[in-house]
């Protein structure tokens, strides 16, 4: 999934750093 800026949001496999750095508030929704 990509956000409006074209950055990868949910391309994390075992590492949630990319998602957390792009959209910290989305991390709560993922969990």
PDB file of N, CA and C in Angstrom:
ATOM      1  N   UNK A   1       0.844  -1.199   0.000  1.00  0.00           N
ATOM      2  CA  UNK A   1       0.000   0.000   0.000  1.00  0.00           C
ATOM      3  C   UNK A   1       0.883   1.253   0.000  1.00  0.00           C
ATOM      4  N   UNK A   2       0.499   2.249  -0.778  1.00  0.00           N
ATOM      5  CA  UNK A   2       1.294   3.473  -0.861  1.00  0.00           C
ATOM      6  C   UNK A   2       0.452   4.672  -0.437  1.00  0.00           C
ATOM      7  N   UNK A   3       1.086   5.625   0.221  1.00  0.00           N
ATOM      8  CA  UNK A   3       0.338   6.815   0.627  1.00  0.00           C
ATOM      9  C   UNK A   3       0.310   7.821  -0.518  1.00  0.00           C
ATOM     10  N   UNK A   4      -0.230   8.991  -0.281  1.00  0.00           N
ATOM     11  CA  UNK A   4      -0.386   9.992  -1.336  1.00  0.00           C
ATOM     12  C   UNK A   4       0.957  10.453  -1.891  1.00  0.00           C
ATOM     13  N   UNK A   5       2.001  10.321  -1.095  1.00  0.00           N
ATOM     14  CA  UNK A   5       3.319  10.771  -1.533  1.00  0.00           C
ATOM     15  C   UNK A   5       4.088   9.663  -2.242  1.00  0.00           C
ATOM     16  N   UNK A   6       3.480   8.467  -2.330  1.00  0.00           N
ATOM     17  CA  UNK A   6       4.131   7.368  -3.032  1.00  0.00           C
ATOM     18  C   UNK A   6       5.108   6.610  -2.153  1.00  0.00           C
ATOM     19  N   UNK A   7       5.064   6.861  -0.867  1.00  0.00           N
ATOM     20  CA  UNK A   7       5.977   6.156   0.038  1.00  0.00           C
ATOM     21  C   UNK A   7       5.343   4.865   0.521  1.00  0.00           C
ATOM     22  N   UNK A   8       6.156   3.834   0.709  1.00  0.00           N
ATOM     23  CA  UNK A   8       5.626   2.549   1.150  1.00  0.00           C
ATOM     24  C   UNK A   8       5.211   2.618   2.616  1.00  0.00           C
ATOM     25  N   UNK A   9       3.975   2.215   2.893  1.00  0.00           N
ATOM     26  CA  UNK A   9       3.476   2.251   4.259  1.00  0.00           C
ATOM     27  C   UNK A   9       3.484   0.857   4.881  1.00  0.00           C
ATOM     28  N   UNK A  10       2.873  -0.085   4.171  1.00  0.00           N
ATOM     29  CA  UNK A  10       2.703  -1.406   4.771  1.00  0.00           C
ATOM     30  C   UNK A  10       3.617  -2.441   4.129  1.00  0.00           C
ATOM     31  N   UNK A  11       4.808  -2.002   3.709  1.00  0.00           N
ATOM     32  CA  UNK A  11       5.755  -2.949   3.131  1.00  0.00           C
ATOM     33  C   UNK A  11       6.770  -3.348   4.200  1.00  0.00           C
ATOM     34  N   UNK A  12       6.268  -3.761   5.333  1.00  0.00           N
ATOM     35  CA  UNK A  12       7.161  -4.158   6.410  1.00  0.00           C
ATOM     36  C   UNK A  12       7.009  -5.651   6.667  1.00  0.00           C
ATOM     37  N   UNK A  13       8.144  -6.353   6.721  1.00  0.00           N
ATOM     38  CA  UNK A  13       8.106  -7.791   6.997  1.00  0.00           C
ATOM     39  C   UNK A  13       9.027  -8.072   8.172  1.00  0.00           C
ATOM     40  N   UNK A  14       8.475  -8.015   9.368  1.00  0.00           N
ATOM     41  CA  UNK A  14       9.279  -8.256  10.551  1.00  0.00           C
ATOM     42  C   UNK A  14       9.883  -6.965  11.096  1.00  0.00           C
ATOM     43  N   UNK A  15       9.865  -5.912  10.288  1.00  0.00           N
ATOM     44  CA  UNK A  15      10.395  -4.637  10.767  1.00  0.00           C
ATOM     45  C   UNK A  15       9.352  -3.556  10.534  1.00  0.00           C
ATOM     46  N   UNK A  16       8.943  -2.903  11.607  1.00  0.00           N
ATOM     47  CA  UNK A  16       7.883  -1.907  11.510  1.00  0.00           C
ATOM     48  C   UNK A  16       8.448  -0.494  11.472  1.00  0.00           C
ATOM     49  N   UNK A  17       9.763  -0.383  11.282  1.00  0.00           N
ATOM     50  CA  UNK A  17      10.402   0.929  11.230  1.00  0.00           C
ATOM     51  C   UNK A  17       9.906   1.789  10.065  1.00  0.00           C
ATOM     52  N   UNK A  18       9.806   1.235   8.842  1.00  0.00           N
ATOM     53  CA  UNK A  18       9.346   2.039   7.693  1.00  0.00           C
ATOM     54  C   UNK A  18       7.963   2.637   7.927  1.00  0.00           C
ATOM     55  N   UNK A  19       7.059   1.834   8.452  1.00  0.00           N
ATOM     56  CA  UNK A  19       5.702   2.306   8.695  1.00  0.00           C
ATOM     57  C   UNK A  19       5.707   3.362   9.789  1.00  0.00           C
ATOM     58  N   UNK A  20       6.488   3.103  10.829  1.00  0.00           N
ATOM     59  CA  UNK A  20       6.522   4.011  11.962  1.00  0.00           C
ATOM     60  C   UNK A  20       7.116   5.369  11.570  1.00  0.00           C
ATOM     61  N   UNK A  21       8.093   5.342  10.669  1.00  0.00           N
ATOM     62  CA  UNK A  21       8.751   6.588  10.271  1.00  0.00           C
ATOM     63  C   UNK A  21       7.879   7.406   9.327  1.00  0.00           C
ATOM     64  N   UNK A  22       7.054   6.716   8.531  1.00  0.00           N
ATOM     65  CA  UNK A  22       6.194   7.410   7.571  1.00  0.00           C
ATOM     66  C   UNK A  22       4.942   7.943   8.255  1.00  0.00           C
ATOM     67  N   UNK A  23       4.254   7.063   8.959  1.00  0.00           N
ATOM     68  CA  UNK A  23       3.013   7.474   9.617  1.00  0.00           C
ATOM     69  C   UNK A  23       2.910   6.806  10.987  1.00  0.00           C
ATOM     70  N   UNK A  24       3.435   7.454  12.014  1.00  0.00           N
ATOM     71  CA  UNK A  24       3.437   6.896  13.375  1.00  0.00           C
ATOM     72  C   UNK A  24       2.042   6.551  13.866  1.00  0.00           C
ATOM     73  N   UNK A  25       1.031   7.340  13.512  1.00  0.00           N
ATOM     74  CA  UNK A  25      -0.306   7.109  14.037  1.00  0.00           C
ATOM     75  C   UNK A  25      -0.959   5.912  13.349  1.00  0.00           C
ATOM     76  N   UNK A  26      -0.437   5.516  12.192  1.00  0.00           N
ATOM     77  CA  UNK A  26      -0.989   4.356  11.498  1.00  0.00           C
ATOM     78  C   UNK A  26      -0.524   3.070  12.160  1.00  0.00           C
ATOM     79  N   UNK A  27       0.596   3.134  12.883  1.00  0.00           N
ATOM     80  CA  UNK A  27       1.153   1.948  13.516  1.00  0.00           C
ATOM     81  C   UNK A  27       0.152   1.362  14.507  1.00  0.00           C
ATOM     82  N   UNK A  28      -0.571   2.213  15.192  1.00  0.00           N
ATOM     83  CA  UNK A  28      -1.552   1.746  16.160  1.00  0.00           C
ATOM     84  C   UNK A  28      -2.685   1.009  15.460  1.00  0.00           C
ATOM     85  N   UNK A  29      -3.053   1.477  14.281  1.00  0.00           N
ATOM     86  CA  UNK A  29      -4.134   0.848  13.532  1.00  0.00           C
ATOM     87  C   UNK A  29      -3.710  -0.519  13.020  1.00  0.00           C
ATOM     88  N   UNK A  30      -2.424  -0.655  12.691  1.00  0.00           N
ATOM     89  CA  UNK A  30      -1.913  -1.923  12.174  1.00  0.00           C
ATOM     90  C   UNK A  30      -1.920  -2.979  13.267  1.00  0.00           C
ATOM     91  N   UNK A  31      -1.524  -2.578  14.461  1.00  0.00           N
ATOM     92  CA  UNK A  31      -1.523  -3.522  15.560  1.00  0.00           C
ATOM     93  C   UNK A  31      -2.955  -3.855  15.933  1.00  0.00           C
TER      94      UNK A  31
END
